[in-house]
Amino acid sequence: MLRRRIFDVPCTVEVSHTFESLHAHVILDGDIKIEPGDEVLVHGAPIHPPYGEVQTERRTATVTRATALERLWTKMTGNAQCLELLDVSFSDRRIL
């Protein structure tokens, strides 16, 4: 519970560089649930598809499970960090 668990798992990586979508998705094989605080590192060279293409590759990923304390800390601080992205103002921006 206080020790990190690390394991490798095969995965599929899809990188899209099209007009409709610019994304990268990783799908881990098996029924692996990623929880707050967990880390996933995909091995291999960066994938750079040319414009207009979608590239899919098989890779290996290393999953590092968070400890119970790390998971709790991530849950407690996650909402506060998300609020930093918001810019809420009730002024007319004449004087800030």
PDB file of N, CA and C in Angstrom:
ATOM      1  N   MET A   1       0.811  -1.182   0.000  1.00  0.00           N
ATOM      2  CA  MET A   1       0.000   0.000   0.000  1.00  0.00           C
ATOM      3  C   MET A   1       0.865   1.260   0.000  1.00  0.00           C
ATOM      4  N   LEU A   2       2.047   1.174   0.579  1.00  0.00           N
ATOM      5  CA  LEU A   2       2.954   2.315   0.588  1.00  0.00           C
ATOM      6  C   LEU A   2       4.053   2.177  -0.461  1.00  0.00           C
ATOM      7  N   ARG A   3       3.986   1.141  -1.252  1.00  0.00           N
ATOM      8  CA  ARG A   3       5.001   0.885  -2.270  1.00  0.00           C
ATOM      9  C   ARG A   3       4.372   0.973  -3.660  1.00  0.00           C
ATOM     10  N   ARG A   4       5.071   1.640  -4.569  1.00  0.00           N
ATOM     11  CA  ARG A   4       4.584   1.750  -5.947  1.00  0.00           C
ATOM     12  C   ARG A   4       4.693   0.409  -6.660  1.00  0.00           C
ATOM     13  N   ARG A   5       3.702   0.109  -7.474  1.00  0.00           N
ATOM     14  CA  ARG A   5       3.718  -1.108  -8.284  1.00  0.00           C
ATOM     15  C   ARG A   5       3.969  -0.688  -9.724  1.00  0.00           C
ATOM     16  N   ILE A   6       4.951  -1.288 -10.380  1.00  0.00           N
ATOM     17  CA  ILE A   6       5.330  -0.934 -11.742  1.00  0.00           C
ATOM     18  C   ILE A   6       5.241  -2.193 -12.603  1.00  0.00           C
ATOM     19  N   PHE A   7       4.585  -2.066 -13.776  1.00  0.00           N
ATOM     20  CA  PHE A   7       4.498  -3.200 -14.689  1.00  0.00           C
ATOM     21  C   PHE A   7       4.376  -2.704 -16.123  1.00  0.00           C
ATOM     22  N   ASP A   8       4.781  -3.559 -17.070  1.00  0.00           N
ATOM     23  CA  ASP A   8       4.689  -3.250 -18.495  1.00  0.00           C
ATOM     24  C   ASP A   8       3.453  -3.907 -19.087  1.00  0.00           C
ATOM     25  N   VAL A   9       2.880  -3.235 -20.085  1.00  0.00           N
ATOM     26  CA  VAL A   9       1.687  -3.744 -20.736  1.00  0.00           C
ATOM     27  C   VAL A   9       1.727  -3.330 -22.210  1.00  0.00           C
ATOM     28  N   PRO A  10       1.296  -4.215 -23.125  1.00  0.00           N
ATOM     29  CA  PRO A  10       1.205  -3.807 -24.531  1.00  0.00           C
ATOM     30  C   PRO A  10       0.082  -2.790 -24.714  1.00  0.00           C
ATOM     31  N   CYS A  11       0.236  -1.924 -25.711  1.00  0.00           N
ATOM     32  CA  CYS A  11      -0.785  -0.913 -25.948  1.00  0.00           C
ATOM     33  C   CYS A  11      -0.839  -0.555 -27.432  1.00  0.00           C
ATOM     34  N   THR A  12      -1.900   0.149 -27.802  1.00  0.00           N
ATOM     35  CA  THR A  12      -2.066   0.685 -29.141  1.00  0.00           C
ATOM     36  C   THR A  12      -2.059   2.199 -29.034  1.00  0.00           C
ATOM     37  N   VAL A  13      -1.243   2.843 -29.871  1.00  0.00           N
ATOM     38  CA  VAL A  13      -1.151   4.300 -29.888  1.00  0.00           C
ATOM     39  C   VAL A  13      -1.707   4.790 -31.219  1.00  0.00           C
ATOM     40  N   GLU A  14      -2.652   5.740 -31.146  1.00  0.00           N
ATOM     41  CA  GLU A  14      -3.214   6.335 -32.353  1.00  0.00           C
ATOM     42  C   GLU A  14      -2.948   7.836 -32.317  1.00  0.00           C
ATOM     43  N   VAL A  15      -2.287   8.341 -33.359  1.00  0.00           N
ATOM     44  CA  VAL A  15      -1.994   9.766 -33.466  1.00  0.00           C
ATOM     45  C   VAL A  15      -2.644  10.275 -34.740  1.00  0.00           C
ATOM     46  N   SER A  16      -3.485  11.307 -34.586  1.00  0.00           N
ATOM     47  CA  SER A  16      -4.196  11.899 -35.723  1.00  0.00           C
ATOM     48  C   SER A  16      -3.714  13.327 -35.947  1.00  0.00           C
ATOM     49  N   HIS A  17      -3.455  13.649 -37.209  1.00  0.00           N
ATOM     50  CA  HIS A  17      -3.029  14.998 -37.580  1.00  0.00           C
ATOM     51  C   HIS A  17      -3.828  15.403 -38.830  1.00  0.00           C
ATOM     52  N   THR A  18      -5.136  15.575 -38.632  1.00  0.00           N
ATOM     53  CA  THR A  18      -6.029  15.910 -39.735  1.00  0.00           C
ATOM     54  C   THR A  18      -6.719  17.243 -39.459  1.00  0.00           C
ATOM     55  N   PHE A  19      -7.442  17.727 -40.451  1.00  0.00           N
ATOM     56  CA  PHE A  19      -8.191  18.963 -40.291  1.00  0.00           C
ATOM     57  C   PHE A  19      -9.244  18.815 -39.196  1.00  0.00           C
ATOM     58  N   GLU A  20      -9.866  17.639 -39.130  1.00  0.00           N
ATOM     59  CA  GLU A  20     -10.944  17.387 -38.179  1.00  0.00           C
ATOM     60  C   GLU A  20     -10.448  17.126 -36.764  1.00  0.00           C
ATOM     61  N   SER A  21      -9.244  16.592 -36.634  1.00  0.00           N
ATOM     62  CA  SER A  21      -8.804  16.174 -35.303  1.00  0.00           C
ATOM     63  C   SER A  21      -7.284  16.188 -35.184  1.00  0.00           C
ATOM     64  N   LEU A  22      -6.815  16.679 -34.049  1.00  0.00           N
ATOM     65  CA  LEU A  22      -5.401  16.614 -33.685  1.00  0.00           C
ATOM     66  C   LEU A  22      -5.364  15.966 -32.304  1.00  0.00           C
ATOM     67  N   HIS A  23      -5.044  14.670 -32.263  1.00  0.00           N
ATOM     68  CA  HIS A  23      -5.080  13.969 -30.982  1.00  0.00           C
ATOM     69  C   HIS A  23      -4.088  12.814 -30.955  1.00  0.00           C
ATOM     70  N   ALA A  24      -3.841  12.334 -29.736  1.00  0.00           N
ATOM     71  CA  ALA A  24      -3.059  11.122 -29.502  1.00  0.00           C
ATOM     72  C   ALA A  24      -3.777  10.335 -28.417  1.00  0.00           C
ATOM     73  N   HIS A  25      -4.104   9.086 -28.714  1.00  0.00           N
ATOM     74  CA  HIS A  25      -4.799   8.231 -27.752  1.00  0.00           C
ATOM     75  C   HIS A  25      -3.975   6.976 -27.510  1.00  0.00           C
ATOM     76  N   VAL A  26      -3.949   6.527 -26.262  1.00  0.00           N
ATOM     77  CA  VAL A  26      -3.289   5.277 -25.881  1.00  0.00           C
ATOM     78  C   VAL A  26      -4.338   4.352 -25.302  1.00  0.00           C
ATOM     79  N   ILE A  27      -4.418   3.144 -25.852  1.00  0.00           N
ATOM     80  CA  ILE A  27      -5.356   2.128 -25.357  1.00  0.00           C
ATOM     81  C   ILE A  27      -4.528   0.973 -24.813  1.00  0.00           C
ATOM     82  N   LEU A  28      -4.599   0.762 -23.504  1.00  0.00           N
ATOM     83  CA  LEU A  28      -3.858  -0.318 -22.860  1.00  0.00           C
ATOM     84  C   LEU A  28      -4.582  -1.636 -23.070  1.00  0.00           C
ATOM     85  N   ASP A  29      -3.829  -2.698 -23.353  1.00  0.00           N
ATOM     86  CA  ASP A  29      -4.417  -4.030 -23.498  1.00  0.00           C
ATOM     87  C   ASP A  29      -4.863  -4.541 -22.130  1.00  0.00           C
ATOM     88  N   GLY A  30      -5.916  -5.309 -22.126  1.00  0.00           N
ATOM     89  CA  GLY A  30      -6.425  -5.867 -20.877  1.00  0.00           C
ATOM     90  C   GLY A  30      -7.381  -4.909 -20.201  1.00  0.00           C
ATOM     91  N   ASP A  31      -7.813  -5.289 -19.033  1.00  0.00           N
ATOM     92  CA  ASP A  31      -8.771  -4.494 -18.272  1.00  0.00           C
ATOM     93  C   ASP A  31      -8.028  -3.697 -17.203  1.00  0.00           C
ATOM     94  N   ILE A  32      -7.219  -2.718 -17.636  1.00  0.00           N
ATOM     95  CA  ILE A  32      -6.406  -1.939 -16.716  1.00  0.00           C
ATOM     96  C   ILE A  32      -7.057  -0.587 -16.518  1.00  0.00           C
ATOM     97  N   LYS A  33      -7.391  -0.282 -15.276  1.00  0.00           N
ATOM     98  CA  LYS A  33      -8.016   0.991 -14.946  1.00  0.00           C
ATOM     99  C   LYS A  33      -6.945   1.936 -14.425  1.00  0.00           C
ATOM    100  N   ILE A  34      -6.838   3.103 -15.059  1.00  0.00           N
ATOM    101  CA  ILE A  34      -5.898   4.123 -14.610  1.00  0.00           C
ATOM    102  C   ILE A  34      -6.623   5.027 -13.628  1.00  0.00           C
ATOM    103  N   GLU A  35      -6.037   5.190 -12.444  1.00  0.00           N
ATOM    104  CA  GLU A  35      -6.671   5.966 -11.383  1.00  0.00           C
ATOM    105  C   GLU A  35      -5.852   7.225 -11.092  1.00  0.00           C
ATOM    106  N   PRO A  36      -6.397   8.172 -10.317  1.00  0.00           N
ATOM    107  CA  PRO A  36      -5.667   9.403 -10.003  1.00  0.00           C
ATOM    108  C   PRO A  36      -4.296   9.107  -9.408  1.00  0.00           C
ATOM    109  N   GLY A  37      -3.276   9.792  -9.944  1.00  0.00           N
ATOM    110  CA  GLY A  37      -1.915   9.619  -9.461  1.00  0.00           C
ATOM    111  C   GLY A  37      -1.104   8.595 -10.218  1.00  0.00           C
ATOM    112  N   ASP A  38      -1.759   7.713 -10.970  1.00  0.00           N
ATOM    113  CA  ASP A  38      -1.036   6.715 -11.754  1.00  0.00           C
ATOM    114  C   ASP A  38      -0.321   7.390 -12.915  1.00  0.00           C
ATOM    115  N   GLU A  39       0.771   6.780 -13.365  1.00  0.00           N
ATOM    116  CA  GLU A  39       1.539   7.307 -14.491  1.00  0.00           C
ATOM    117  C   GLU A  39       1.631   6.240 -15.571  1.00  0.00           C
ATOM    118  N   VAL A  40       1.569   6.681 -16.837  1.00  0.00           N
ATOM    119  CA  VAL A  40       1.723   5.780 -17.978  1.00  0.00           C
ATOM    120  C   VAL A  40       2.800   6.356 -18.881  1.00  0.00           C
ATOM    121  N   LEU A  41       3.843   5.568 -19.154  1.00  0.00           N
ATOM    122  CA  LEU A  41       4.930   5.977 -20.031  1.00  0.00           C
ATOM    123  C   LEU A  41       4.937   5.039 -21.235  1.00  0.00           C
ATOM    124  N   VAL A  42       4.717   5.590 -22.434  1.00  0.00           N
ATOM    125  CA  VAL A  42       4.725   4.799 -23.662  1.00  0.00           C
ATOM    126  C   VAL A  42       6.136   4.824 -24.227  1.00  0.00           C
ATOM    127  N   HIS A  43       6.681   3.651 -24.536  1.00  0.00           N
ATOM    128  CA  HIS A  43       8.052   3.531 -25.030  1.00  0.00           C
ATOM    129  C   HIS A  43       8.090   3.640 -26.547  1.00  0.00           C
ATOM    130  N   GLY A  44       9.226   4.100 -27.048  1.00  0.00           N
ATOM    131  CA  GLY A  44       9.433   4.193 -28.488  1.00  0.00           C
ATOM    132  C   GLY A  44       9.631   5.625 -28.938  1.00  0.00           C
ATOM    133  N   ALA A  45       9.971   5.762 -30.206  1.00  0.00           N
ATOM    134  CA  ALA A  45      10.219   7.077 -30.796  1.00  0.00           C
ATOM    135  C   ALA A  45       8.898   7.836 -30.953  1.00  0.00           C
ATOM    136  N   PRO A  46       8.961   9.173 -30.954  1.00  0.00           N
ATOM    137  CA  PRO A  46       7.745   9.965 -31.167  1.00  0.00           C
ATOM    138  C   PRO A  46       7.105   9.637 -32.519  1.00  0.00           C
ATOM    139  N   ILE A  47       5.789   9.727 -32.553  1.00  0.00           N
ATOM    140  CA  ILE A  47       5.043   9.460 -33.789  1.00  0.00           C
ATOM    141  C   ILE A  47       4.631  10.803 -34.373  1.00  0.00           C
ATOM    142  N   HIS A  48       5.030  11.074 -35.607  1.00  0.00           N
ATOM    143  CA  HIS A  48       4.728  12.341 -36.277  1.00  0.00           C
ATOM    144  C   HIS A  48       4.087  12.055 -37.634  1.00  0.00           C
ATOM    145  N   PRO A  49       2.784  11.794 -37.677  1.00  0.00           N
ATOM    146  CA  PRO A  49       2.167  11.548 -38.983  1.00  0.00           C
ATOM    147  C   PRO A  49       2.120  12.835 -39.811  1.00  0.00           C
ATOM    148  N   PRO A  50       2.239  12.724 -41.125  1.00  0.00           N
ATOM    149  CA  PRO A  50       2.102  13.908 -41.971  1.00  0.00           C
ATOM    150  C   PRO A  50       0.678  14.458 -41.899  1.00  0.00           C
ATOM    151  N   TYR A  51       0.530  15.740 -42.244  1.00  0.00           N
ATOM    152  CA  TYR A  51      -0.796  16.363 -42.195  1.00  0.00           C
ATOM    153  C   TYR A  51      -1.774  15.564 -43.056  1.00  0.00           C
ATOM    154  N   GLY A  52      -2.962  15.349 -42.483  1.00  0.00           N
ATOM    155  CA  GLY A  52      -4.016  14.629 -43.194  1.00  0.00           C
ATOM    156  C   GLY A  52      -4.042  13.137 -42.927  1.00  0.00           C
ATOM    157  N   GLU A  53      -3.145  12.650 -42.086  1.00  0.00           N
ATOM    158  CA  GLU A  53      -3.066  11.207 -41.845  1.00  0.00           C
ATOM    159  C   GLU A  53      -3.270  10.861 -40.370  1.00  0.00           C
ATOM    160  N   VAL A  54      -3.665   9.614 -40.160  1.00  0.00           N
ATOM    161  CA  VAL A  54      -3.785   9.034 -38.819  1.00  0.00           C
ATOM    162  C   VAL A  54      -2.848   7.837 -38.787  1.00  0.00           C
ATOM    163  N   GLN A  55      -2.008   7.755 -37.780  1.00  0.00           N
ATOM    164  CA  GLN A  55      -1.039   6.676 -37.665  1.00  0.00           C
ATOM    165  C   GLN A  55      -1.331   5.873 -36.409  1.00  0.00           C
ATOM    166  N   THR A  56      -1.359   4.547 -36.543  1.00  0.00           N
ATOM    167  CA  THR A  56      -1.603   3.653 -35.416  1.00  0.00           C
ATOM    168  C   THR A  56      -0.436   2.691 -35.290  1.00  0.00           C
ATOM    169  N   GLU A  57       0.086   2.558 -34.074  1.00  0.00           N
ATOM    170  CA  GLU A  57       1.220   1.663 -33.821  1.00  0.00           C
ATOM    171  C   GLU A  57       1.003   0.875 -32.541  1.00  0.00           C
ATOM    172  N   ARG A  58       1.614  -0.305 -32.512  1.00  0.00           N
ATOM    173  CA  ARG A  58       1.642  -1.119 -31.294  1.00  0.00           C
ATOM    174  C   ARG A  58       2.913  -0.772 -30.535  1.00  0.00           C
ATOM    175  N   ARG A  59       2.787  -0.558 -29.233  1.00  0.00           N
ATOM    176  CA  ARG A  59       3.918  -0.190 -28.385  1.00  0.00           C
ATOM    177  C   ARG A  59       3.811  -0.922 -27.055  1.00  0.00           C
ATOM    178  N   THR A  60       4.792  -0.689 -26.209  1.00  0.00           N
ATOM    179  CA  THR A  60       4.772  -1.164 -24.827  1.00  0.00           C
ATOM    180  C   THR A  60       4.712   0.062 -23.930  1.00  0.00           C
ATOM    181  N   ALA A  61       3.898  -0.015 -22.893  1.00  0.00           N
ATOM    182  CA  ALA A  61       3.784   1.077 -21.934  1.00  0.00           C
ATOM    183  C   ALA A  61       4.128   0.562 -20.548  1.00  0.00           C
ATOM    184  N   THR A  62       4.738   1.421 -19.747  1.00  0.00           N
ATOM    185  CA  THR A  62       5.023   1.114 -18.348  1.00  0.00           C
ATOM    186  C   THR A  62       4.026   1.872 -17.490  1.00  0.00           C
ATOM    187  N   VAL A  63       3.279   1.136 -16.681  1.00  0.00           N
ATOM    188  CA  VAL A  63       2.292   1.729 -15.780  1.00  0.00           C
ATOM    189  C   VAL A  63       2.886   1.735 -14.380  1.00  0.00           C
ATOM    190  N   THR A  64       2.872   2.912 -13.748  1.00  0.00           N
ATOM    191  CA  THR A  64       3.335   3.053 -12.366  1.00  0.00           C
ATOM    192  C   THR A  64       2.133   3.433 -11.516  1.00  0.00           C
ATOM    193  N   ARG A  65       1.738   2.547 -10.633  1.00  0.00           N
ATOM    194  CA  ARG A  65       0.592   2.795  -9.757  1.00  0.00           C
ATOM    195  C   ARG A  65       0.991   3.725  -8.617  1.00  0.00           C
ATOM    196  N   ALA A  66       0.129   4.669  -8.318  1.00  0.00           N
ATOM    197  CA  ALA A  66       0.357   5.580  -7.200  1.00  0.00           C
ATOM    198  C   ALA A  66       0.138   4.839  -5.885  1.00  0.00           C
ATOM    199  N   THR A  67       0.853   5.281  -4.855  1.00  0.00           N
ATOM    200  CA  THR A  67       0.606   4.730  -3.525  1.00  0.00           C
ATOM    201  C   THR A  67      -0.708   5.309  -3.002  1.00  0.00           C
ATOM    202  N   ALA A  68      -1.198   4.773  -1.913  1.00  0.00           N
ATOM    203  CA  ALA A  68      -2.453   5.262  -1.335  1.00  0.00           C
ATOM    204  C   ALA A  68      -2.338   6.740  -0.950  1.00  0.00           C
ATOM    205  N   LEU A  69      -1.192   7.123  -0.409  1.00  0.00           N
ATOM    206  CA  LEU A  69      -0.979   8.517  -0.021  1.00  0.00           C
ATOM    207  C   LEU A  69      -0.929   9.427  -1.250  1.00  0.00           C
ATOM    208  N   GLU A  70      -0.232   9.002  -2.298  1.00  0.00           N
ATOM    209  CA  GLU A  70      -0.167   9.797  -3.537  1.00  0.00           C
ATOM    210  C   GLU A  70      -1.547   9.937  -4.173  1.00  0.00           C
ATOM    211  N   ARG A  71      -2.314   8.858  -4.156  1.00  0.00           N
ATOM    212  CA  ARG A  71      -3.666   8.889  -4.734  1.00  0.00           C
ATOM    213  C   ARG A  71      -4.557   9.876  -3.968  1.00  0.00           C
ATOM    214  N   LEU A  72      -4.479   9.850  -2.641  1.00  0.00           N
ATOM    215  CA  LEU A  72      -5.260  10.767  -1.808  1.00  0.00           C
ATOM    216  C   LEU A  72      -4.851  12.211  -2.090  1.00  0.00           C
ATOM    217  N   TRP A  73      -3.532  12.472  -2.149  1.00  0.00           N
ATOM    218  CA  TRP A  73      -3.042  13.825  -2.419  1.00  0.00           C
ATOM    219  C   TRP A  73      -3.510  14.321  -3.787  1.00  0.00           C
ATOM    220  N   THR A  74      -3.479  13.451  -4.792  1.00  0.00           N
ATOM    221  CA  THR A  74      -3.921  13.832  -6.142  1.00  0.00           C
ATOM    222  C   THR A  74      -5.401  14.182  -6.147  1.00  0.00           C
ATOM    223  N   LYS A  75      -6.197  13.402  -5.434  1.00  0.00           N
ATOM    224  CA  LYS A  75      -7.635  13.697  -5.371  1.00  0.00           C
ATOM    225  C   LYS A  75      -7.901  15.013  -4.651  1.00  0.00           C
ATOM    226  N   MET A  76      -7.143  15.276  -3.572  1.00  0.00           N
ATOM    227  CA  MET A  76      -7.369  16.491  -2.789  1.00  0.00           C
ATOM    228  C   MET A  76      -6.933  17.745  -3.544  1.00  0.00           C
ATOM    229  N   THR A  77      -5.834  17.682  -4.260  1.00  0.00           N
ATOM    230  CA  THR A  77      -5.302  18.862  -4.929  1.00  0.00           C
ATOM    231  C   THR A  77      -5.760  19.004  -6.373  1.00  0.00           C
ATOM    232  N   GLY A  78      -6.305  17.974  -6.940  1.00  0.00           N
ATOM    233  CA  GLY A  78      -6.705  18.008  -8.345  1.00  0.00           C
ATOM    234  C   GLY A  78      -7.743  19.067  -8.659  1.00  0.00           C
ATOM    235  N   ASN A  79      -8.759  19.182  -7.830  1.00  0.00           N
ATOM    236  CA  ASN A  79      -9.805  20.176  -8.080  1.00  0.00           C
ATOM    237  C   ASN A  79      -9.260  21.588  -7.964  1.00  0.00           C
ATOM    238  N   ALA A  80      -8.400  21.843  -7.002  1.00  0.00           N
ATOM    239  CA  ALA A  80      -7.832  23.179  -6.828  1.00  0.00           C
ATOM    240  C   ALA A  80      -6.970  23.550  -8.028  1.00  0.00           C
ATOM    241  N   GLN A  81      -6.199  22.607  -8.546  1.00  0.00           N
ATOM    242  CA  GLN A  81      -5.358  22.882  -9.704  1.00  0.00           C
ATOM    243  C   GLN A  81      -6.200  23.128 -10.946  1.00  0.00           C
ATOM    244  N   CYS A  82      -7.312  22.452 -11.052  1.00  0.00           N
ATOM    245  CA  CYS A  82      -8.210  22.656 -12.187  1.00  0.00           C
ATOM    246  C   CYS A  82      -8.793  24.062 -12.161  1.00  0.00           C
ATOM    247  N   LEU A  83      -9.078  24.571 -10.985  1.00  0.00           N
ATOM    248  CA  LEU A  83      -9.652  25.914 -10.864  1.00  0.00           C
ATOM    249  C   LEU A  83      -8.670  26.996 -11.303  1.00  0.00           C
ATOM    250  N   GLU A  84      -7.372  26.708 -11.291  1.00  0.00           N
ATOM    251  CA  GLU A  84      -6.386  27.673 -11.750  1.00  0.00           C
ATOM    252  C   GLU A  84      -6.546  27.974 -13.232  1.00  0.00           C
ATOM    253  N   LEU A  85      -7.180  27.087 -13.966  1.00  0.00           N
ATOM    254  CA  LEU A  85      -7.384  27.286 -15.399  1.00  0.00           C
ATOM    255  C   LEU A  85      -8.501  28.281 -15.683  1.00  0.00           C
ATOM    256  N   LEU A  86      -9.346  28.534 -14.696  1.00  0.00           N
ATOM    257  CA  LEU A  86     -10.478  29.433 -14.895  1.00  0.00           C
ATOM    258  C   LEU A  86     -10.067  30.883 -14.690  1.00  0.00           C
ATOM    259  N   ASP A  87     -10.617  31.752 -15.509  1.00  0.00           N
ATOM    260  CA  ASP A  87     -10.418  33.186 -15.353  1.00  0.00           C
ATOM    261  C   ASP A  87     -11.790  33.811 -15.240  1.00  0.00           C
ATOM    262  N   VAL A  88     -12.213  34.045 -14.013  1.00  0.00           N
ATOM    263  CA  VAL A  88     -13.545  34.592 -13.760  1.00  0.00           C
ATOM    264  C   VAL A  88     -13.387  36.007 -13.240  1.00  0.00           C
ATOM    265  N   SER A  89     -14.098  36.931 -13.865  1.00  0.00           N
ATOM    266  CA  SER A  89     -14.012  38.322 -13.445  1.00  0.00           C
ATOM    267  C   SER A  89     -15.389  38.948 -13.524  1.00  0.00           C
ATOM    268  N   PHE A  90     -15.722  39.753 -12.525  1.00  0.00           N
ATOM    269  CA  PHE A  90     -17.002  40.447 -12.520  1.00  0.00           C
ATOM    270  C   PHE A  90     -16.813  41.940 -12.784  1.00  0.00           C
ATOM    271  N   SER A  91     -15.634  42.309 -13.254  1.00  0.00           N
ATOM    272  CA  SER A  91     -15.382  43.729 -13.553  1.00  0.00           C
ATOM    273  C   SER A  91     -15.568  43.964 -15.052  1.00  0.00           C
ATOM    274  N   ASP A  92     -15.606  45.199 -15.426  1.00  0.00           N
ATOM    275  CA  ASP A  92     -15.720  45.535 -16.836  1.00  0.00           C
ATOM    276  C   ASP A  92     -14.338  45.662 -17.487  1.00  0.00           C
ATOM    277  N   ARG A  93     -13.303  45.243 -16.775  1.00  0.00           N
ATOM    278  CA  ARG A  93     -11.916  45.211 -17.216  1.00  0.00           C
ATOM    279  C   ARG A  93     -11.309  46.592 -17.477  1.00  0.00           C
ATOM    280  N   ARG A  94     -11.947  47.638 -16.997  1.00  0.00           N
ATOM    281  CA  ARG A  94     -11.363  48.972 -17.122  1.00  0.00           C
ATOM    282  C   ARG A  94     -10.193  49.126 -16.162  1.00  0.00           C
ATOM    283  N   ILE A  95     -10.366  48.613 -14.951  1.00  0.00           N
ATOM    284  CA  ILE A  95      -9.320  48.655 -13.944  1.00  0.00           C
ATOM    285  C   ILE A  95      -9.186  47.258 -13.352  1.00  0.00           C
ATOM    286  N   LEU A  96      -8.031  46.669 -13.504  1.00  0.00           N
ATOM    287  CA  LEU A  96      -7.796  45.345 -12.931  1.00  0.00           C
ATOM    288  C   LEU A  96      -6.657  45.394 -11.964  1.00  0.00           C
TER     289      LEU A  96
END
